[in-house]
Amino acid sequence: MISKKAKLIVLMPPKTGSQSLTDSLLDSSINFEEFTSCFSYPTIHLFLSEIVNEFEITNLDEYKIVQVVRNPTDRFVSSYYHQIKILPQNHPLKSLEINEFAKHFYKSLVSEDFLNNFYGDTTFIKRAIQNGKSWGGSRTYLSQYQWNDLDAKVEYFKLEDISKDIKPLSDYIGVYLPSMETKNTNKIEVEYDNILNDNMKKMVNYVYENDFALFNY
Protein backbone atom coordinates (compact mmCIF):
# COMPACT_ATOMS: atom_id res chain seq x y z
CA MET A 1 0.00 0.00 0.00
CA ILE A 2 1.18 3.51 -0.75
CA SER A 3 -0.01 7.03 -0.03
CA LYS A 4 1.84 9.72 -1.94
CA LYS A 5 0.09 12.45 0.02
CA ALA A 6 1.05 10.97 3.40
CA LYS A 7 4.39 9.76 1.99
CA LEU A 8 3.78 6.32 3.43
CA ILE A 9 4.52 2.83 2.09
CA VAL A 10 3.33 -0.30 3.89
CA LEU A 11 4.96 -3.63 3.03
CA MET A 12 2.85 -6.71 3.66
CA PRO A 13 4.32 -10.20 3.21
CA PRO A 14 1.75 -13.02 3.21
CA LYS A 15 0.54 -14.39 6.55
CA THR A 16 1.53 -11.34 8.60
CA GLY A 17 -1.97 -10.07 9.35
CA SER A 18 -2.07 -8.12 6.10
CA GLN A 19 -5.87 -8.23 5.67
CA SER A 20 -6.48 -7.00 9.21
CA LEU A 21 -3.88 -4.26 8.81
CA THR A 22 -5.28 -3.24 5.43
CA ASP A 23 -8.75 -2.85 6.94
CA SER A 24 -7.35 -0.72 9.76
CA LEU A 25 -5.41 1.50 7.36
CA LEU A 26 -8.38 1.95 5.04
CA ASP A 27 -10.50 2.98 8.04
CA SER A 28 -8.00 5.72 8.87
CA SER A 29 -7.75 9.24 7.43
CA ILE A 30 -5.04 8.20 4.96
CA ASN A 31 -5.87 8.15 1.26
CA PHE A 32 -4.08 5.33 -0.52
CA GLU A 33 -3.28 5.18 -4.23
CA GLU A 34 -5.27 3.03 -6.64
CA PHE A 35 -3.53 0.68 -9.04
CA THR A 36 -3.94 1.37 -12.74
CA SER A 37 -6.15 -0.88 -14.84
CA CYS A 38 -3.10 -2.00 -16.83
CA PHE A 39 -1.32 -3.38 -13.76
CA SER A 40 -0.49 -6.86 -14.99
CA TYR A 41 -0.14 -8.92 -11.82
CA PRO A 42 -1.69 -9.18 -8.33
CA THR A 43 -1.66 -5.99 -6.27
CA ILE A 44 -1.17 -7.71 -2.92
CA HIS A 45 2.07 -8.65 -1.11
CA LEU A 46 4.20 -6.48 -3.39
CA PHE A 47 7.91 -5.94 -2.89
CA LEU A 48 9.15 -2.43 -2.28
CA SER A 49 10.69 -2.24 -5.76
CA GLU A 50 7.37 -3.18 -7.36
CA ILE A 51 5.54 -0.40 -5.50
CA VAL A 52 8.26 2.13 -6.36
CA ASN A 53 8.20 1.18 -10.04
CA GLU A 54 4.41 1.11 -10.37
CA PHE A 55 3.93 4.53 -8.80
CA GLU A 56 7.13 6.04 -10.21
CA ILE A 57 8.54 7.05 -6.85
CA THR A 58 11.72 9.10 -7.24
CA ASN A 59 11.86 10.51 -3.71
CA LEU A 60 11.81 7.29 -1.67
CA ASP A 61 14.00 8.81 1.05
CA GLU A 62 11.11 11.16 1.92
CA TYR A 63 8.75 8.26 2.65
CA LYS A 64 8.04 6.45 5.87
CA ILE A 65 8.21 2.74 5.06
CA VAL A 66 6.72 0.29 7.53
CA GLN A 67 6.40 -3.47 7.53
CA VAL A 68 4.60 -5.80 9.90
CA VAL A 69 6.51 -9.01 10.63
CA ARG A 70 5.57 -12.23 12.36
CA ASN A 71 7.34 -14.99 14.26
CA PRO A 72 8.71 -17.15 11.39
CA THR A 73 7.57 -20.42 12.98
CA ASP A 74 4.01 -19.19 13.47
CA ARG A 75 4.04 -17.78 9.96
CA PHE A 76 5.13 -21.11 8.49
CA VAL A 77 2.40 -22.97 10.37
CA SER A 78 -0.19 -20.44 9.25
CA SER A 79 1.11 -20.73 5.68
CA TYR A 80 0.59 -24.49 5.76
CA TYR A 81 -3.08 -24.20 6.66
CA HIS A 82 -3.62 -21.47 4.09
CA GLN A 83 -1.82 -23.48 1.41
CA ILE A 84 -3.81 -26.65 2.07
CA LYS A 85 -7.01 -24.65 1.72
CA ILE A 86 -6.17 -23.03 -1.63
CA LEU A 87 -4.59 -26.06 -3.32
CA PRO A 88 -6.70 -27.64 -6.07
CA GLN A 89 -8.69 -30.72 -5.16
CA ASN A 90 -6.63 -33.93 -5.40
CA HIS A 91 -3.31 -32.05 -5.36
CA PRO A 92 -0.68 -34.38 -3.75
CA LEU A 93 0.29 -31.80 -1.10
CA LYS A 94 -3.28 -31.49 0.14
CA SER A 95 -3.13 -34.82 1.97
CA LEU A 96 0.14 -34.14 3.83
CA GLU A 97 0.09 -33.42 7.54
CA ILE A 98 2.19 -30.46 8.56
CA ASN A 99 5.47 -32.23 9.42
CA GLU A 100 5.41 -34.21 6.17
CA PHE A 101 4.61 -30.98 4.35
CA ALA A 102 7.52 -29.19 6.04
CA LYS A 103 9.92 -32.01 5.19
CA HIS A 104 8.88 -31.88 1.53
CA PHE A 105 9.25 -28.09 1.58
CA TYR A 106 12.79 -28.34 2.95
CA LYS A 107 13.83 -30.95 0.38
CA SER A 108 12.40 -28.76 -2.40
CA LEU A 109 14.62 -25.85 -1.43
CA VAL A 110 17.73 -27.59 -2.78
CA SER A 111 16.46 -27.02 -6.33
CA GLU A 112 16.81 -23.71 -8.13
CA ASP A 113 13.33 -24.35 -9.51
CA PHE A 114 11.62 -24.37 -6.13
CA LEU A 115 8.04 -23.89 -7.34
CA ASN A 116 8.03 -26.83 -9.73
CA ASN A 117 10.03 -28.95 -7.32
CA PHE A 118 7.66 -28.17 -4.45
CA TYR A 119 4.26 -28.09 -6.15
CA GLY A 120 4.77 -30.30 -9.17
CA ASP A 121 1.93 -28.90 -11.25
CA THR A 122 1.99 -25.09 -10.97
CA THR A 123 -0.87 -24.43 -13.38
CA PHE A 124 -3.10 -23.15 -10.57
CA ILE A 125 -0.43 -20.62 -9.56
CA LYS A 126 -0.03 -19.30 -13.09
CA ARG A 127 -3.80 -19.04 -13.43
CA ALA A 128 -4.14 -17.13 -10.15
CA ILE A 129 -1.42 -14.66 -11.15
CA GLN A 130 -2.82 -14.17 -14.66
CA ASN A 131 -6.25 -13.48 -13.19
CA GLY A 132 -4.67 -10.92 -10.87
CA LYS A 133 -6.30 -12.47 -7.82
CA SER A 134 -3.33 -13.74 -5.84
CA TRP A 135 0.13 -15.25 -6.08
CA GLY A 136 -1.33 -18.71 -5.55
CA GLY A 137 0.89 -19.24 -2.52
CA SER A 138 4.09 -18.68 -4.50
CA ARG A 139 5.26 -15.81 -2.25
CA THR A 140 4.13 -17.39 0.99
CA TYR A 141 7.42 -19.08 1.88
CA LEU A 142 9.77 -16.22 1.05
CA SER A 143 11.64 -14.70 3.99
CA GLN A 144 10.06 -11.52 5.29
CA TYR A 145 13.24 -9.46 4.99
CA GLN A 146 13.08 -9.89 1.19
CA TRP A 147 10.23 -7.38 0.88
CA ASN A 148 12.74 -4.58 1.44
CA ASP A 149 14.53 -5.35 -1.80
CA LEU A 150 15.87 -1.80 -2.23
CA ASP A 151 17.78 -1.79 1.06
CA ALA A 152 15.71 1.17 2.21
CA LYS A 153 15.11 2.38 5.75
CA VAL A 154 12.15 0.36 7.03
CA GLU A 155 10.49 0.51 10.43
CA TYR A 156 9.39 -2.97 11.49
CA PHE A 157 6.46 -3.75 13.80
CA LYS A 158 5.72 -7.19 15.17
CA LEU A 159 2.25 -8.57 14.47
CA GLU A 160 2.19 -10.06 17.96
CA ASP A 161 2.58 -6.56 19.42
CA ILE A 162 0.30 -4.43 17.26
CA SER A 163 -2.48 -7.03 17.44
CA LYS A 164 -2.65 -6.18 21.13
CA ASP A 165 -1.87 -2.48 20.87
CA ILE A 166 -1.70 -0.69 17.53
CA LYS A 167 -0.79 2.66 19.12
CA PRO A 168 3.00 2.42 18.46
CA LEU A 169 2.32 1.95 14.75
CA SER A 170 -0.32 4.67 14.82
CA ASP A 171 2.09 7.06 16.54
CA TYR A 172 4.85 6.34 14.03
CA ILE A 173 2.58 6.90 11.04
CA GLY A 174 1.09 9.99 12.67
CA VAL A 175 -2.62 9.19 12.34
CA TYR A 176 -5.17 7.35 14.41
CA LEU A 177 -5.56 3.69 13.40
CA PRO A 178 -8.48 1.54 14.54
CA SER A 179 -7.49 -1.65 16.35
CA MET A 180 -6.83 -4.62 14.11
CA GLU A 181 -9.57 -7.24 13.97
CA THR A 182 -8.60 -10.89 13.52
CA LYS A 183 -9.35 -12.10 10.00
CA ASN A 184 -8.30 -15.72 10.50
CA THR A 185 -10.36 -17.93 8.19
CA ASN A 186 -8.87 -21.15 9.52
CA LYS A 187 -11.54 -22.83 11.62
CA ILE A 188 -9.06 -25.22 13.25
CA GLU A 189 -7.58 -24.35 16.64
CA VAL A 190 -3.82 -24.49 16.17
CA GLU A 191 -1.22 -24.98 18.89
CA TYR A 192 1.58 -23.08 17.18
CA ASP A 193 4.21 -24.04 19.75
CA ASN A 194 3.62 -27.79 19.56
CA ILE A 195 2.42 -28.67 16.07
CA LEU A 196 5.87 -28.96 14.48
CA ASN A 197 8.20 -31.67 15.68
CA ASP A 198 11.71 -30.78 16.83
CA ASN A 199 13.36 -31.55 13.49
CA MET A 200 10.93 -29.36 11.59
CA LYS A 201 11.34 -26.54 14.12
CA LYS A 202 15.08 -26.72 13.45
CA MET A 203 14.33 -26.60 9.73
CA VAL A 204 12.28 -23.43 10.13
CA ASN A 205 15.02 -21.88 12.28
CA TYR A 206 17.59 -22.67 9.59
CA VAL A 207 15.57 -21.58 6.55
CA TYR A 208 14.41 -18.33 8.15
CA GLU A 209 17.51 -17.55 10.22
CA ASN A 210 17.75 -14.04 8.73
CA ASP A 211 14.18 -13.23 9.78
CA PHE A 212 14.80 -14.56 13.29
CA ALA A 213 17.92 -12.43 13.61
CA LEU A 214 16.75 -9.24 11.91
CA PHE A 215 13.41 -9.05 13.71
CA ASN A 216 14.64 -10.32 17.10
CA TYR A 217 12.58 -13.50 17.37
C-alpha atoms as a PDB file:
ATOM      1  CA  MET A   1       0.000   0.000   0.000  1.00  0.00           C
ATOM      2  CA  ILE A   2       1.179   3.508  -0.751  1.00  0.00           C
ATOM      3  CA  SER A   3      -0.011   7.028  -0.026  1.00  0.00           C
ATOM      4  CA  LYS A   4       1.839   9.718  -1.942  1.00  0.00           C
ATOM      5  CA  LYS A   5       0.088  12.453   0.022  1.00  0.00           C
ATOM      6  CA  ALA A   6       1.051  10.969   3.398  1.00  0.00           C
ATOM      7  CA  LYS A   7       4.392   9.764   1.990  1.00  0.00           C
ATOM      8  CA  LEU A   8       3.780   6.319   3.426  1.00  0.00           C
ATOM      9  CA  ILE A   9       4.521   2.833   2.089  1.00  0.00           C
ATOM     10  CA  VAL A  10       3.329  -0.300   3.887  1.00  0.00           C
ATOM     11  CA  LEU A  11       4.959  -3.629   3.028  1.00  0.00           C
ATOM     12  CA  MET A  12       2.846  -6.714   3.660  1.00  0.00           C
ATOM     13  CA  PRO A  13       4.323 -10.197   3.209  1.00  0.00           C
ATOM     14  CA  PRO A  14       1.752 -13.020   3.213  1.00  0.00           C
ATOM     15  CA  LYS A  15       0.535 -14.387   6.551  1.00  0.00           C
ATOM     16  CA  THR A  16       1.530 -11.336   8.599  1.00  0.00           C
ATOM     17  CA  GLY A  17      -1.973 -10.074   9.347  1.00  0.00           C
ATOM     18  CA  SER A  18      -2.074  -8.117   6.104  1.00  0.00           C
ATOM     19  CA  GLN A  19      -5.865  -8.234   5.670  1.00  0.00           C
ATOM     20  CA  SER A  20      -6.484  -6.998   9.211  1.00  0.00           C
ATOM     21  CA  LEU A  21      -3.876  -4.264   8.807  1.00  0.00           C
ATOM     22  CA  THR A  22      -5.280  -3.235   5.426  1.00  0.00           C
ATOM     23  CA  ASP A  23      -8.753  -2.846   6.936  1.00  0.00           C
ATOM     24  CA  SER A  24      -7.349  -0.722   9.757  1.00  0.00           C
ATOM     25  CA  LEU A  25      -5.407   1.498   7.356  1.00  0.00           C
ATOM     26  CA  LEU A  26      -8.384   1.947   5.037  1.00  0.00           C
ATOM     27  CA  ASP A  27     -10.500   2.978   8.038  1.00  0.00           C
ATOM     28  CA  SER A  28      -7.997   5.720   8.872  1.00  0.00           C
ATOM     29  CA  SER A  29      -7.752   9.237   7.432  1.00  0.00           C
ATOM     30  CA  ILE A  30      -5.036   8.196   4.965  1.00  0.00           C
ATOM     31  CA  ASN A  31      -5.872   8.150   1.257  1.00  0.00           C
ATOM     32  CA  PHE A  32      -4.078   5.329  -0.523  1.00  0.00           C
ATOM     33  CA  GLU A  33      -3.285   5.184  -4.229  1.00  0.00           C
ATOM     34  CA  GLU A  34      -5.266   3.033  -6.644  1.00  0.00           C
ATOM     35  CA  PHE A  35      -3.527   0.678  -9.044  1.00  0.00           C
ATOM     36  CA  THR A  36      -3.939   1.366 -12.741  1.00  0.00           C
ATOM     37  CA  SER A  37      -6.146  -0.877 -14.843  1.00  0.00           C
ATOM     38  CA  CYS A  38      -3.099  -1.996 -16.826  1.00  0.00           C
ATOM     39  CA  PHE A  39      -1.316  -3.378 -13.758  1.00  0.00           C
ATOM     40  CA  SER A  40      -0.487  -6.860 -14.989  1.00  0.00           C
ATOM     41  CA  TYR A  41      -0.137  -8.920 -11.816  1.00  0.00           C
ATOM     42  CA  PRO A  42      -1.690  -9.183  -8.327  1.00  0.00           C
ATOM     43  CA  THR A  43      -1.665  -5.987  -6.271  1.00  0.00           C
ATOM     44  CA  ILE A  44      -1.170  -7.714  -2.921  1.00  0.00           C
ATOM     45  CA  HIS A  45       2.066  -8.645  -1.107  1.00  0.00           C
ATOM     46  CA  LEU A  46       4.196  -6.475  -3.386  1.00  0.00           C
ATOM     47  CA  PHE A  47       7.909  -5.942  -2.888  1.00  0.00           C
ATOM     48  CA  LEU A  48       9.155  -2.425  -2.279  1.00  0.00           C
ATOM     49  CA  SER A  49      10.693  -2.241  -5.762  1.00  0.00           C
ATOM     50  CA  GLU A  50       7.366  -3.177  -7.357  1.00  0.00           C
ATOM     51  CA  ILE A  51       5.540  -0.404  -5.496  1.00  0.00           C
ATOM     52  CA  VAL A  52       8.256   2.127  -6.358  1.00  0.00           C
ATOM     53  CA  ASN A  53       8.199   1.180 -10.039  1.00  0.00           C
ATOM     54  CA  GLU A  54       4.414   1.111 -10.367  1.00  0.00           C
ATOM     55  CA  PHE A  55       3.932   4.531  -8.797  1.00  0.00           C
ATOM     56  CA  GLU A  56       7.130   6.037 -10.212  1.00  0.00           C
ATOM     57  CA  ILE A  57       8.538   7.047  -6.849  1.00  0.00           C
ATOM     58  CA  THR A  58      11.719   9.099  -7.239  1.00  0.00           C
ATOM     59  CA  ASN A  59      11.864  10.505  -3.706  1.00  0.00           C
ATOM     60  CA  LEU A  60      11.812   7.293  -1.670  1.00  0.00           C
ATOM     61  CA  ASP A  61      14.004   8.813   1.047  1.00  0.00           C
ATOM     62  CA  GLU A  62      11.108  11.158   1.924  1.00  0.00           C
ATOM     63  CA  TYR A  63       8.748   8.259   2.652  1.00  0.00           C
ATOM     64  CA  LYS A  64       8.040   6.447   5.870  1.00  0.00           C
ATOM     65  CA  ILE A  65       8.212   2.739   5.062  1.00  0.00           C
ATOM     66  CA  VAL A  66       6.722   0.288   7.534  1.00  0.00           C
ATOM     67  CA  GLN A  67       6.396  -3.470   7.530  1.00  0.00           C
ATOM     68  CA  VAL A  68       4.596  -5.798   9.903  1.00  0.00           C
ATOM     69  CA  VAL A  69       6.511  -9.006  10.627  1.00  0.00           C
ATOM     70  CA  ARG A  70       5.575 -12.231  12.356  1.00  0.00           C
ATOM     71  CA  ASN A  71       7.337 -14.990  14.259  1.00  0.00           C
ATOM     72  CA  PRO A  72       8.710 -17.152  11.392  1.00  0.00           C
ATOM     73  CA  THR A  73       7.574 -20.416  12.980  1.00  0.00           C
ATOM     74  CA  ASP A  74       4.008 -19.192  13.471  1.00  0.00           C
ATOM     75  CA  ARG A  75       4.035 -17.778   9.965  1.00  0.00           C
ATOM     76  CA  PHE A  76       5.128 -21.108   8.489  1.00  0.00           C
ATOM     77  CA  VAL A  77       2.399 -22.973  10.371  1.00  0.00           C
ATOM     78  CA  SER A  78      -0.192 -20.439   9.246  1.00  0.00           C
ATOM     79  CA  SER A  79       1.113 -20.730   5.682  1.00  0.00           C
ATOM     80  CA  TYR A  80       0.594 -24.485   5.756  1.00  0.00           C
ATOM     81  CA  TYR A  81      -3.082 -24.203   6.665  1.00  0.00           C
ATOM     82  CA  HIS A  82      -3.620 -21.471   4.092  1.00  0.00           C
ATOM     83  CA  GLN A  83      -1.818 -23.475   1.405  1.00  0.00           C
ATOM     84  CA  ILE A  84      -3.807 -26.646   2.065  1.00  0.00           C
ATOM     85  CA  LYS A  85      -7.007 -24.647   1.721  1.00  0.00           C
ATOM     86  CA  ILE A  86      -6.171 -23.029  -1.627  1.00  0.00           C
ATOM     87  CA  LEU A  87      -4.593 -26.063  -3.321  1.00  0.00           C
ATOM     88  CA  PRO A  88      -6.698 -27.638  -6.067  1.00  0.00           C
ATOM     89  CA  GLN A  89      -8.691 -30.718  -5.165  1.00  0.00           C
ATOM     90  CA  ASN A  90      -6.633 -33.935  -5.396  1.00  0.00           C
ATOM     91  CA  HIS A  91      -3.314 -32.049  -5.359  1.00  0.00           C
ATOM     92  CA  PRO A  92      -0.683 -34.380  -3.754  1.00  0.00           C
ATOM     93  CA  LEU A  93       0.291 -31.800  -1.103  1.00  0.00           C
ATOM     94  CA  LYS A  94      -3.281 -31.488   0.137  1.00  0.00           C
ATOM     95  CA  SER A  95      -3.125 -34.820   1.975  1.00  0.00           C
ATOM     96  CA  LEU A  96       0.140 -34.138   3.834  1.00  0.00           C
ATOM     97  CA  GLU A  97       0.089 -33.418   7.541  1.00  0.00           C
ATOM     98  CA  ILE A  98       2.192 -30.456   8.557  1.00  0.00           C
ATOM     99  CA  ASN A  99       5.472 -32.233   9.418  1.00  0.00           C
ATOM    100  CA  GLU A 100       5.411 -34.207   6.170  1.00  0.00           C
ATOM    101  CA  PHE A 101       4.614 -30.979   4.349  1.00  0.00           C
ATOM    102  CA  ALA A 102       7.521 -29.192   6.045  1.00  0.00           C
ATOM    103  CA  LYS A 103       9.919 -32.014   5.192  1.00  0.00           C
ATOM    104  CA  HIS A 104       8.877 -31.877   1.531  1.00  0.00           C
ATOM    105  CA  PHE A 105       9.251 -28.089   1.584  1.00  0.00           C
ATOM    106  CA  TYR A 106      12.788 -28.335   2.950  1.00  0.00           C
ATOM    107  CA  LYS A 107      13.827 -30.945   0.382  1.00  0.00           C
ATOM    108  CA  SER A 108      12.402 -28.764  -2.403  1.00  0.00           C
ATOM    109  CA  LEU A 109      14.620 -25.847  -1.431  1.00  0.00           C
ATOM    110  CA  VAL A 110      17.726 -27.590  -2.785  1.00  0.00           C
ATOM    111  CA  SER A 111      16.457 -27.019  -6.325  1.00  0.00           C
ATOM    112  CA  GLU A 112      16.812 -23.710  -8.131  1.00  0.00           C
ATOM    113  CA  ASP A 113      13.334 -24.347  -9.510  1.00  0.00           C
ATOM    114  CA  PHE A 114      11.617 -24.366  -6.134  1.00  0.00           C
ATOM    115  CA  LEU A 115       8.043 -23.893  -7.345  1.00  0.00           C
ATOM    116  CA  ASN A 116       8.025 -26.834  -9.732  1.00  0.00           C
ATOM    117  CA  ASN A 117      10.029 -28.952  -7.316  1.00  0.00           C
ATOM    118  CA  PHE A 118       7.657 -28.169  -4.449  1.00  0.00           C
ATOM    119  CA  TYR A 119       4.262 -28.086  -6.150  1.00  0.00           C
ATOM    120  CA  GLY A 120       4.769 -30.303  -9.170  1.00  0.00           C
ATOM    121  CA  ASP A 121       1.930 -28.902 -11.250  1.00  0.00           C
ATOM    122  CA  THR A 122       1.987 -25.090 -10.967  1.00  0.00           C
ATOM    123  CA  THR A 123      -0.871 -24.432 -13.376  1.00  0.00           C
ATOM    124  CA  PHE A 124      -3.099 -23.150 -10.572  1.00  0.00           C
ATOM    125  CA  ILE A 125      -0.431 -20.618  -9.556  1.00  0.00           C
ATOM    126  CA  LYS A 126      -0.030 -19.301 -13.093  1.00  0.00           C
ATOM    127  CA  ARG A 127      -3.801 -19.043 -13.431  1.00  0.00           C
ATOM    128  CA  ALA A 128      -4.145 -17.128 -10.154  1.00  0.00           C
ATOM    129  CA  ILE A 129      -1.418 -14.659 -11.148  1.00  0.00           C
ATOM    130  CA  GLN A 130      -2.822 -14.173 -14.659  1.00  0.00           C
ATOM    131  CA  ASN A 131      -6.249 -13.479 -13.186  1.00  0.00           C
ATOM    132  CA  GLY A 132      -4.666 -10.919 -10.866  1.00  0.00           C
ATOM    133  CA  LYS A 133      -6.299 -12.472  -7.822  1.00  0.00           C
ATOM    134  CA  SER A 134      -3.329 -13.741  -5.843  1.00  0.00           C
ATOM    135  CA  TRP A 135       0.126 -15.246  -6.080  1.00  0.00           C
ATOM    136  CA  GLY A 136      -1.333 -18.706  -5.547  1.00  0.00           C
ATOM    137  CA  GLY A 137       0.887 -19.235  -2.523  1.00  0.00           C
ATOM    138  CA  SER A 138       4.094 -18.683  -4.503  1.00  0.00           C
ATOM    139  CA  ARG A 139       5.257 -15.814  -2.249  1.00  0.00           C
ATOM    140  CA  THR A 140       4.130 -17.395   0.986  1.00  0.00           C
ATOM    141  CA  TYR A 141       7.417 -19.081   1.876  1.00  0.00           C
ATOM    142  CA  LEU A 142       9.773 -16.223   1.054  1.00  0.00           C
ATOM    143  CA  SER A 143      11.637 -14.701   3.991  1.00  0.00           C
ATOM    144  CA  GLN A 144      10.064 -11.515   5.288  1.00  0.00           C
ATOM    145  CA  TYR A 145      13.244  -9.458   4.990  1.00  0.00           C
ATOM    146  CA  GLN A 146      13.077  -9.893   1.190  1.00  0.00           C
ATOM    147  CA  TRP A 147      10.232  -7.378   0.877  1.00  0.00           C
ATOM    148  CA  ASN A 148      12.740  -4.575   1.440  1.00  0.00           C
ATOM    149  CA  ASP A 149      14.534  -5.348  -1.803  1.00  0.00           C
ATOM    150  CA  LEU A 150      15.866  -1.800  -2.228  1.00  0.00           C
ATOM    151  CA  ASP A 151      17.775  -1.793   1.059  1.00  0.00           C
ATOM    152  CA  ALA A 152      15.705   1.172   2.210  1.00  0.00           C
ATOM    153  CA  LYS A 153      15.111   2.384   5.755  1.00  0.00           C
ATOM    154  CA  VAL A 154      12.148   0.359   7.026  1.00  0.00           C
ATOM    155  CA  GLU A 155      10.491   0.508  10.426  1.00  0.00           C
ATOM    156  CA  TYR A 156       9.389  -2.971  11.494  1.00  0.00           C
ATOM    157  CA  PHE A 157       6.462  -3.749  13.800  1.00  0.00           C
ATOM    158  CA  LYS A 158       5.720  -7.194  15.168  1.00  0.00           C
ATOM    159  CA  LEU A 159       2.250  -8.566  14.469  1.00  0.00           C
ATOM    160  CA  GLU A 160       2.191 -10.064  17.958  1.00  0.00           C
ATOM    161  CA  ASP A 161       2.583  -6.562  19.422  1.00  0.00           C
ATOM    162  CA  ILE A 162       0.299  -4.431  17.256  1.00  0.00           C
ATOM    163  CA  SER A 163      -2.476  -7.028  17.441  1.00  0.00           C
ATOM    164  CA  LYS A 164      -2.654  -6.182  21.130  1.00  0.00           C
ATOM    165  CA  ASP A 165      -1.866  -2.482  20.874  1.00  0.00           C
ATOM    166  CA  ILE A 166      -1.700  -0.685  17.533  1.00  0.00           C
ATOM    167  CA  LYS A 167      -0.788   2.656  19.118  1.00  0.00           C
ATOM    168  CA  PRO A 168       3.001   2.423  18.462  1.00  0.00           C
ATOM    169  CA  LEU A 169       2.322   1.947  14.747  1.00  0.00           C
ATOM    170  CA  SER A 170      -0.322   4.665  14.817  1.00  0.00           C
ATOM    171  CA  ASP A 171       2.087   7.060  16.543  1.00  0.00           C
ATOM    172  CA  TYR A 172       4.846   6.339  14.030  1.00  0.00           C
ATOM    173  CA  ILE A 173       2.576   6.904  11.035  1.00  0.00           C
ATOM    174  CA  GLY A 174       1.092   9.988  12.670  1.00  0.00           C
ATOM    175  CA  VAL A 175      -2.622   9.195  12.335  1.00  0.00           C
ATOM    176  CA  TYR A 176      -5.170   7.345  14.411  1.00  0.00           C
ATOM    177  CA  LEU A 177      -5.556   3.694  13.399  1.00  0.00           C
ATOM    178  CA  PRO A 178      -8.477   1.536  14.543  1.00  0.00           C
ATOM    179  CA  SER A 179      -7.491  -1.648  16.354  1.00  0.00           C
ATOM    180  CA  MET A 180      -6.831  -4.617  14.110  1.00  0.00           C
ATOM    181  CA  GLU A 181      -9.566  -7.239  13.968  1.00  0.00           C
ATOM    182  CA  THR A 182      -8.598 -10.887  13.520  1.00  0.00           C
ATOM    183  CA  LYS A 183      -9.353 -12.103  10.004  1.00  0.00           C
ATOM    184  CA  ASN A 184      -8.301 -15.724  10.497  1.00  0.00           C
ATOM    185  CA  THR A 185     -10.364 -17.927   8.192  1.00  0.00           C
ATOM    186  CA  ASN A 186      -8.869 -21.149   9.521  1.00  0.00           C
ATOM    187  CA  LYS A 187     -11.543 -22.834  11.621  1.00  0.00           C
ATOM    188  CA  ILE A 188      -9.059 -25.216  13.252  1.00  0.00           C
ATOM    189  CA  GLU A 189      -7.580 -24.346  16.640  1.00  0.00           C
ATOM    190  CA  VAL A 190      -3.818 -24.485  16.166  1.00  0.00           C
ATOM    191  CA  GLU A 191      -1.216 -24.982  18.893  1.00  0.00           C
ATOM    192  CA  TYR A 192       1.577 -23.080  17.180  1.00  0.00           C
ATOM    193  CA  ASP A 193       4.206 -24.045  19.755  1.00  0.00           C
ATOM    194  CA  ASN A 194       3.624 -27.789  19.557  1.00  0.00           C
ATOM    195  CA  ILE A 195       2.420 -28.666  16.069  1.00  0.00           C
ATOM    196  CA  LEU A 196       5.869 -28.959  14.481  1.00  0.00           C
ATOM    197  CA  ASN A 197       8.200 -31.675  15.680  1.00  0.00           C
ATOM    198  CA  ASP A 198      11.713 -30.782  16.833  1.00  0.00           C
ATOM    199  CA  ASN A 199      13.356 -31.550  13.492  1.00  0.00           C
ATOM    200  CA  MET A 200      10.929 -29.363  11.588  1.00  0.00           C
ATOM    201  CA  LYS A 201      11.339 -26.543  14.117  1.00  0.00           C
ATOM    202  CA  LYS A 202      15.077 -26.715  13.448  1.00  0.00           C
ATOM    203  CA  MET A 203      14.333 -26.604   9.731  1.00  0.00           C
ATOM    204  CA  VAL A 204      12.276 -23.429  10.134  1.00  0.00           C
ATOM    205  CA  ASN A 205      15.015 -21.882  12.278  1.00  0.00           C
ATOM    206  CA  TYR A 206      17.590 -22.666   9.594  1.00  0.00           C
ATOM    207  CA  VAL A 207      15.574 -21.578   6.552  1.00  0.00           C
ATOM    208  CA  TYR A 208      14.414 -18.330   8.151  1.00  0.00           C
ATOM    209  CA  GLU A 209      17.511 -17.554  10.225  1.00  0.00           C
ATOM    210  CA  ASN A 210      17.751 -14.045   8.729  1.00  0.00           C
ATOM    211  CA  ASP A 211      14.183 -13.234   9.781  1.00  0.00           C
ATOM    212  CA  PHE A 212      14.799 -14.565  13.289  1.00  0.00           C
ATOM    213  CA  ALA A 213      17.921 -12.427  13.611  1.00  0.00           C
ATOM    214  CA  LEU A 214      16.753  -9.240  11.914  1.00  0.00           C
ATOM    215  CA  PHE A 215      13.410  -9.052  13.706  1.00  0.00           C
ATOM    216  CA  ASN A 216      14.642 -10.316  17.103  1.00  0.00           C
ATOM    217  CA  TYR A 217      12.575 -13.500  17.369  1.00  0.00           C
END
